[in-house]
Each structure stands twice: as C-alpha cells, then as structure tokens.
Amino acid sequence: QLDYKTALRGGRVVVADRWYPSSKLCSCCGYKLDTMVLGMRQWSCPGCSTLHDRDVNAAINLKKVAVSSTVAACGGEGAGPARERGVKPAPMKQESNSRQL
C-alpha cells in the first residue's frame, strides 16, 4: 500500500537492505559498531566522538541511502529530454509513401 500511495503523489519508495546497519553506522564518519544491544538508545562513536541517538542516527543513514540511490539511478549528469546530446544523429532520406499505378 505504501508503493501505491507514494506513486499517486509522484514519489517513489526506496527500500534499504534488511541487514543495512543504519543504527550502528556513524552518520558523521562512517564508523560501524560491531554490536549494539537493543536497549542502547545512545552511543558515542569511537571514530569521531559524536554522541548519537540511535533512532535519529538511523534516520540520517536511511535518508543518505535514499538520496544516493536517486543519484545513482540518473547518473551524474542526469538523463531525459533536458540532457543535450554530444553527437547528433545523421539525417536520413525519407521514402515516399505514395504508390504509382
């Protein structure tokens, strides 16, 4: 139902891998904790000393996943009608559609 409602409003759903470490991956420096118990609501990154709220950090990491998948889908320069071609196709002769009897 989420796909359906998002499509109606012109959006798109991006699904992160089930095992993506969104909570235990530092959104500042990328350091990944080996383990994190469910009761740990805050943690300090050993890599950059940033204090993270577990849920806020996960939300930031998941937002990065969504944004990066959008960029990767279109490429660096984008695609579609706004993109200019470097080489124009060669002109072709048109054949007449009329028959001579």
C-alpha atoms as a PDB file:
ATOM      1  CA  GLN A   1       0.000   0.000   0.000  1.00  0.00           C
ATOM      2  CA  LEU A   2       2.936   2.329   0.608  1.00  0.00           C
ATOM      3  CA  ASP A   3       4.096   1.905  -3.011  1.00  0.00           C
ATOM      4  CA  TYR A   4       0.595   2.645  -4.300  1.00  0.00           C
ATOM      5  CA  LYS A   5       0.056   5.797  -2.225  1.00  0.00           C
ATOM      6  CA  THR A   6       3.538   7.119  -2.921  1.00  0.00           C
ATOM      7  CA  ALA A   7       3.083   6.616  -6.671  1.00  0.00           C
ATOM      8  CA  LEU A   8      -0.210   8.548  -6.563  1.00  0.00           C
ATOM      9  CA  ARG A   9       1.652  11.545  -5.167  1.00  0.00           C
ATOM     10  CA  GLY A  10       4.516  11.289  -7.652  1.00  0.00           C
ATOM     11  CA  GLY A  11       7.086   9.884  -5.229  1.00  0.00           C
ATOM     12  CA  ARG A  12       8.993   6.652  -5.061  1.00  0.00           C
ATOM     13  CA  VAL A  13       9.819   4.173  -2.312  1.00  0.00           C
ATOM     14  CA  VAL A  14      13.432   3.172  -1.667  1.00  0.00           C
ATOM     15  CA  VAL A  15      13.920   0.014   0.409  1.00  0.00           C
ATOM     16  CA  ALA A  16      17.208  -0.438   2.252  1.00  0.00           C
ATOM     17  CA  ASP A  17      18.696  -3.912   2.567  1.00  0.00           C
ATOM     18  CA  ARG A  18      17.276  -5.774   5.554  1.00  0.00           C
ATOM     19  CA  TRP A  19      20.701  -6.055   7.178  1.00  0.00           C
ATOM     20  CA  TYR A  20      21.853  -2.483   6.479  1.00  0.00           C
ATOM     21  CA  PRO A  21      23.432  -1.279   9.773  1.00  0.00           C
ATOM     22  CA  SER A  22      21.530   2.023   9.949  1.00  0.00           C
ATOM     23  CA  SER A  23      21.579   2.274  13.771  1.00  0.00           C
ATOM     24  CA  LYS A  24      25.182   1.259  14.356  1.00  0.00           C
ATOM     25  CA  LEU A  25      26.789   3.131  11.457  1.00  0.00           C
ATOM     26  CA  CYS A  26      28.056   6.603  12.385  1.00  0.00           C
ATOM     27  CA  SER A  27      26.290   9.139  10.168  1.00  0.00           C
ATOM     28  CA  CYS A  28      29.237  11.561  10.571  1.00  0.00           C
ATOM     29  CA  CYS A  29      32.352   9.496   9.838  1.00  0.00           C
ATOM     30  CA  GLY A  30      31.051   6.071   8.708  1.00  0.00           C
ATOM     31  CA  TYR A  31      32.472   4.075  11.643  1.00  0.00           C
ATOM     32  CA  LYS A  32      30.495   0.852  12.208  1.00  0.00           C
ATOM     33  CA  LEU A  33      29.973  -0.621  15.671  1.00  0.00           C
ATOM     34  CA  ASP A  34      30.423  -4.396  15.823  1.00  0.00           C
ATOM     35  CA  THR A  35      27.468  -4.977  18.144  1.00  0.00           C
ATOM     36  CA  MET A  36      24.681  -2.894  19.633  1.00  0.00           C
ATOM     37  CA  VAL A  37      22.141  -4.205  22.127  1.00  0.00           C
ATOM     38  CA  LEU A  38      18.521  -3.189  21.646  1.00  0.00           C
ATOM     39  CA  GLY A  39      18.424  -1.274  24.932  1.00  0.00           C
ATOM     40  CA  MET A  40      21.278   1.044  23.908  1.00  0.00           C
ATOM     41  CA  ARG A  41      19.432   4.238  22.931  1.00  0.00           C
ATOM     42  CA  GLN A  42      22.516   6.480  22.680  1.00  0.00           C
ATOM     43  CA  TRP A  43      26.108   5.762  21.742  1.00  0.00           C
ATOM     44  CA  SER A  44      29.329   7.656  21.254  1.00  0.00           C
ATOM     45  CA  CYS A  45      31.282   6.972  18.069  1.00  0.00           C
ATOM     46  CA  PRO A  46      34.834   5.718  18.741  1.00  0.00           C
ATOM     47  CA  GLY A  47      35.920   7.181  15.387  1.00  0.00           C
ATOM     48  CA  CYS A  48      34.847  10.815  15.792  1.00  0.00           C
ATOM     49  CA  SER A  49      33.430  11.027  19.371  1.00  0.00           C
ATOM     50  CA  THR A  50      29.992  12.146  18.151  1.00  0.00           C
ATOM     51  CA  LEU A  51      27.125  11.300  20.506  1.00  0.00           C
ATOM     52  CA  HIS A  52      24.263   9.659  18.594  1.00  0.00           C
ATOM     53  CA  ASP A  53      20.647   8.972  19.408  1.00  0.00           C
ATOM     54  CA  ARG A  54      20.050   5.516  17.938  1.00  0.00           C
ATOM     55  CA  ASP A  55      16.847   6.397  16.038  1.00  0.00           C
ATOM     56  CA  VAL A  56      17.965   9.808  14.774  1.00  0.00           C
ATOM     57  CA  ASN A  57      21.261   8.339  13.549  1.00  0.00           C
ATOM     58  CA  ALA A  58      19.381   5.531  11.762  1.00  0.00           C
ATOM     59  CA  ALA A  59      17.052   8.060  10.107  1.00  0.00           C
ATOM     60  CA  ILE A  60      20.004  10.116   8.842  1.00  0.00           C
ATOM     61  CA  ASN A  61      21.698   6.996   7.438  1.00  0.00           C
ATOM     62  CA  LEU A  62      18.494   5.816   5.736  1.00  0.00           C
ATOM     63  CA  LYS A  63      17.993   9.254   4.204  1.00  0.00           C
ATOM     64  CA  LYS A  64      21.520   9.014   2.768  1.00  0.00           C
ATOM     65  CA  VAL A  65      20.632   5.618   1.251  1.00  0.00           C
ATOM     66  CA  ALA A  66      17.519   7.074  -0.394  1.00  0.00           C
ATOM     67  CA  VAL A  67      19.343  10.115  -1.790  1.00  0.00           C
ATOM     68  CA  SER A  68      22.293   8.076  -3.076  1.00  0.00           C
ATOM     69  CA  SER A  69      20.007   5.608  -4.867  1.00  0.00           C
ATOM     70  CA  THR A  70      18.275   8.509  -6.624  1.00  0.00           C
ATOM     71  CA  VAL A  71      21.586   9.963  -7.824  1.00  0.00           C
ATOM     72  CA  ALA A  72      22.869   6.561  -8.954  1.00  0.00           C
ATOM     73  CA  ALA A  73      19.690   5.934 -10.945  1.00  0.00           C
ATOM     74  CA  CYS A  74      20.119   9.089 -13.038  1.00  0.00           C
ATOM     75  CA  GLY A  75      23.878   9.286 -13.196  1.00  0.00           C
ATOM     76  CA  GLY A  76      25.976  12.332 -12.558  1.00  0.00           C
ATOM     77  CA  GLU A  77      24.652  14.482 -15.394  1.00  0.00           C
ATOM     78  CA  GLY A  78      21.074  13.264 -15.407  1.00  0.00           C
ATOM     79  CA  ALA A  79      19.015  11.865 -18.214  1.00  0.00           C
ATOM     80  CA  GLY A  80      15.915  12.679 -20.183  1.00  0.00           C
ATOM     81  CA  PRO A  81      14.880  15.448 -22.552  1.00  0.00           C
ATOM     82  CA  ALA A  82      16.867  18.195 -20.803  1.00  0.00           C
ATOM     83  CA  ARG A  83      20.137  16.407 -21.438  1.00  0.00           C
ATOM     84  CA  GLU A  84      21.918  17.513 -24.614  1.00  0.00           C
ATOM     85  CA  ARG A  85      23.482  15.014 -26.956  1.00  0.00           C
ATOM     86  CA  GLY A  86      27.136  15.317 -27.849  1.00  0.00           C
ATOM     87  CA  VAL A  87      26.623  13.891 -31.337  1.00  0.00           C
ATOM     88  CA  LYS A  88      23.531  14.426 -33.453  1.00  0.00           C
ATOM     89  CA  PRO A  89      22.196  11.515 -35.489  1.00  0.00           C
ATOM     90  CA  ALA A  90      22.899  11.631 -39.223  1.00  0.00           C
ATOM     91  CA  PRO A  91      19.960  12.747 -41.393  1.00  0.00           C
ATOM     92  CA  MET A  92      18.152  10.006 -43.279  1.00  0.00           C
ATOM     93  CA  LYS A  93      16.327  10.191 -46.597  1.00  0.00           C
ATOM     94  CA  GLN A  94      12.589   9.830 -46.371  1.00  0.00           C
ATOM     95  CA  GLU A  95      10.895   7.374 -48.657  1.00  0.00           C
ATOM     96  CA  SER A  96       7.672   8.473 -50.281  1.00  0.00           C
ATOM     97  CA  ASN A  97       4.508   6.810 -49.098  1.00  0.00           C
ATOM     98  CA  SER A  98       2.602   7.240 -52.362  1.00  0.00           C
ATOM     99  CA  ARG A  99       2.237   4.385 -54.811  1.00  0.00           C
ATOM    100  CA  GLN A 100       2.401   4.873 -58.518  1.00  0.00           C
ATOM    101  CA  LEU A 101      -0.041   2.855 -60.566  1.00  0.00           C
END
